[in-house]
Amino acid sequence: MAQSLELLLIQFLMPDNDARRQAEEQIKRLAKDPQVIPALIHHLRTAKTPNVRQLSAVLLRKKITGHWAKLSPQLRHLVKQSLIESITMEHSSHEFR
């Protein structure tokens, strides 16, 4: 899911309305699966472009509450830890610019 989601996130950010609409529909379908949460966190942390990281964060914010109860305790812990690390990484990368 992670690789196809990355392509959809990039496509979602394109100026072409048809491509964006197709990506949006596919993202909505993928977002029904709780496994979208770790995939979005992966892109939040590893995407090369800030726009993809930002879109991942926005989608994660919108979807995490609906899927939280469906995640295993281990995955919840991993999500919390990853978000804290992402915030500190993003913050420290701005300090060096």
C-alpha atoms as a PDB file:
ATOM      1  CA  MET A   1       0.000   0.000   0.000  1.00  0.00           C
ATOM      2  CA  ALA A   2       2.810   2.409   0.840  1.00  0.00           C
ATOM      3  CA  GLN A   3       4.236   2.640  -2.677  1.00  0.00           C
ATOM      4  CA  SER A   4       0.870   3.064  -4.391  1.00  0.00           C
ATOM      5  CA  LEU A   5      -0.169   5.601  -1.756  1.00  0.00           C
ATOM      6  CA  GLU A   6       2.941   7.667  -2.443  1.00  0.00           C
ATOM      7  CA  LEU A   7       2.074   7.846  -6.133  1.00  0.00           C
ATOM      8  CA  LEU A   8      -1.495   8.834  -5.283  1.00  0.00           C
ATOM      9  CA  LEU A   9      -0.295  11.576  -2.932  1.00  0.00           C
ATOM     10  CA  ILE A  10       1.940  12.973  -5.665  1.00  0.00           C
ATOM     11  CA  GLN A  11      -0.897  12.721  -8.197  1.00  0.00           C
ATOM     12  CA  PHE A  12      -3.252  14.427  -5.738  1.00  0.00           C
ATOM     13  CA  LEU A  13      -0.949  17.462  -5.715  1.00  0.00           C
ATOM     14  CA  MET A  14      -0.845  17.799  -9.519  1.00  0.00           C
ATOM     15  CA  PRO A  15      -2.523  20.793 -11.153  1.00  0.00           C
ATOM     16  CA  ASP A  16      -4.469  18.517 -13.550  1.00  0.00           C
ATOM     17  CA  ASN A  17      -8.025  18.331 -12.152  1.00  0.00           C
ATOM     18  CA  ASP A  18      -8.783  14.915 -13.651  1.00  0.00           C
ATOM     19  CA  ALA A  19      -5.627  13.354 -12.227  1.00  0.00           C
ATOM     20  CA  ARG A  20      -6.280  14.974  -8.857  1.00  0.00           C
ATOM     21  CA  ARG A  21      -9.890  13.764  -8.787  1.00  0.00           C
ATOM     22  CA  GLN A  22      -8.849  10.190  -9.629  1.00  0.00           C
ATOM     23  CA  ALA A  23      -6.201  10.250  -6.915  1.00  0.00           C
ATOM     24  CA  GLU A  24      -8.687  11.648  -4.415  1.00  0.00           C
ATOM     25  CA  GLU A  25     -11.177   8.844  -5.127  1.00  0.00           C
ATOM     26  CA  GLN A  26      -8.506   6.164  -4.748  1.00  0.00           C
ATOM     27  CA  ILE A  27      -7.177   7.723  -1.542  1.00  0.00           C
ATOM     28  CA  LYS A  28     -10.722   7.735  -0.134  1.00  0.00           C
ATOM     29  CA  ARG A  29     -11.005   4.013  -0.863  1.00  0.00           C
ATOM     30  CA  LEU A  30      -7.619   3.259   0.709  1.00  0.00           C
ATOM     31  CA  ALA A  31      -8.435   5.420   3.729  1.00  0.00           C
ATOM     32  CA  LYS A  32     -11.210   3.003   4.753  1.00  0.00           C
ATOM     33  CA  ASP A  33      -8.526   0.478   5.735  1.00  0.00           C
ATOM     34  CA  PRO A  34      -6.887   1.034   9.168  1.00  0.00           C
ATOM     35  CA  GLN A  35      -3.543   0.105   7.602  1.00  0.00           C
ATOM     36  CA  VAL A  36      -3.582   3.511   5.915  1.00  0.00           C
ATOM     37  CA  ILE A  37      -2.405   4.983   9.250  1.00  0.00           C
ATOM     38  CA  PRO A  38       1.073   3.379   9.245  1.00  0.00           C
ATOM     39  CA  ALA A  39       1.353   4.070   5.498  1.00  0.00           C
ATOM     40  CA  LEU A  40       0.610   7.769   6.002  1.00  0.00           C
ATOM     41  CA  ILE A  41       3.105   7.937   8.862  1.00  0.00           C
ATOM     42  CA  HIS A  42       5.698   6.345   6.599  1.00  0.00           C
ATOM     43  CA  HIS A  43       5.176   9.083   3.994  1.00  0.00           C
ATOM     44  CA  LEU A  44       5.021  11.773   6.648  1.00  0.00           C
ATOM     45  CA  ARG A  45       8.514  10.719   7.716  1.00  0.00           C
ATOM     46  CA  THR A  46      10.173   9.693   4.450  1.00  0.00           C
ATOM     47  CA  ALA A  47       8.689  11.655   1.539  1.00  0.00           C
ATOM     48  CA  LYS A  48      11.293  13.731  -0.241  1.00  0.00           C
ATOM     49  CA  THR A  49       9.001  16.673  -0.944  1.00  0.00           C
ATOM     50  CA  PRO A  50       7.489  18.795   1.824  1.00  0.00           C
ATOM     51  CA  ASN A  51       4.129  18.918   0.014  1.00  0.00           C
ATOM     52  CA  VAL A  52       3.745  15.129   0.185  1.00  0.00           C
ATOM     53  CA  ARG A  53       4.763  15.115   3.853  1.00  0.00           C
ATOM     54  CA  GLN A  54       2.247  17.868   4.564  1.00  0.00           C
ATOM     55  CA  LEU A  55      -0.570  16.097   2.691  1.00  0.00           C
ATOM     56  CA  SER A  56       0.232  12.892   4.570  1.00  0.00           C
ATOM     57  CA  ALA A  57      -0.051  14.773   7.864  1.00  0.00           C
ATOM     58  CA  VAL A  58      -3.389  16.323   6.899  1.00  0.00           C
ATOM     59  CA  LEU A  59      -4.847  12.975   5.819  1.00  0.00           C
ATOM     60  CA  LEU A  60      -3.477  11.313   8.943  1.00  0.00           C
ATOM     61  CA  ARG A  61      -5.121  13.940  11.130  1.00  0.00           C
ATOM     62  CA  LYS A  62      -8.448  13.352   9.401  1.00  0.00           C
ATOM     63  CA  LYS A  63      -8.331   9.538   9.532  1.00  0.00           C
ATOM     64  CA  ILE A  64      -6.547   8.618  12.754  1.00  0.00           C
ATOM     65  CA  THR A  65      -9.492   9.086  15.112  1.00  0.00           C
ATOM     66  CA  GLY A  66     -11.750   6.833  13.055  1.00  0.00           C
ATOM     67  CA  HIS A  67      -9.185   4.035  12.921  1.00  0.00           C
ATOM     68  CA  TRP A  68      -7.535   4.406  16.349  1.00  0.00           C
ATOM     69  CA  ALA A  69      -9.681   1.797  18.110  1.00  0.00           C
ATOM     70  CA  LYS A  70      -9.020  -0.695  15.310  1.00  0.00           C
ATOM     71  CA  LEU A  71      -5.238  -0.502  15.689  1.00  0.00           C
ATOM     72  CA  SER A  72      -3.380  -2.983  17.854  1.00  0.00           C
ATOM     73  CA  PRO A  73      -1.765  -1.653  21.062  1.00  0.00           C
ATOM     74  CA  GLN A  74       1.672  -2.198  19.529  1.00  0.00           C
ATOM     75  CA  LEU A  75       0.726  -0.216  16.440  1.00  0.00           C
ATOM     76  CA  ARG A  76      -0.747   2.567  18.586  1.00  0.00           C
ATOM     77  CA  HIS A  77       2.537   2.807  20.480  1.00  0.00           C
ATOM     78  CA  LEU A  78       4.457   2.855  17.199  1.00  0.00           C
ATOM     79  CA  VAL A  79       2.172   5.612  15.858  1.00  0.00           C
ATOM     80  CA  LYS A  80       2.719   7.752  18.958  1.00  0.00           C
ATOM     81  CA  GLN A  81       6.462   7.244  18.878  1.00  0.00           C
ATOM     82  CA  SER A  82       6.692   7.940  15.142  1.00  0.00           C
ATOM     83  CA  LEU A  83       4.700  11.146  15.424  1.00  0.00           C
ATOM     84  CA  ILE A  84       6.896  12.454  18.234  1.00  0.00           C
ATOM     85  CA  GLU A  85      10.031  11.606  16.254  1.00  0.00           C
ATOM     86  CA  SER A  86       8.589  13.218  13.113  1.00  0.00           C
ATOM     87  CA  ILE A  87       7.841  16.445  14.942  1.00  0.00           C
ATOM     88  CA  THR A  88      11.337  16.664  16.377  1.00  0.00           C
ATOM     89  CA  MET A  89      12.950  15.736  13.029  1.00  0.00           C
ATOM     90  CA  GLU A  90      10.934  18.345  11.113  1.00  0.00           C
ATOM     91  CA  HIS A  91      11.619  20.972  13.765  1.00  0.00           C
ATOM     92  CA  SER A  92      15.360  20.320  13.837  1.00  0.00           C
ATOM     93  CA  SER A  93      15.623  20.294  10.024  1.00  0.00           C
ATOM     94  CA  HIS A  94      14.176  23.837   9.963  1.00  0.00           C
ATOM     95  CA  GLU A  95      16.814  25.025  12.410  1.00  0.00           C
ATOM     96  CA  PHE A  96      19.605  24.153   9.982  1.00  0.00           C
ATOM     97  CA  ARG A  97      18.175  25.964   6.959  1.00  0.00           C
END
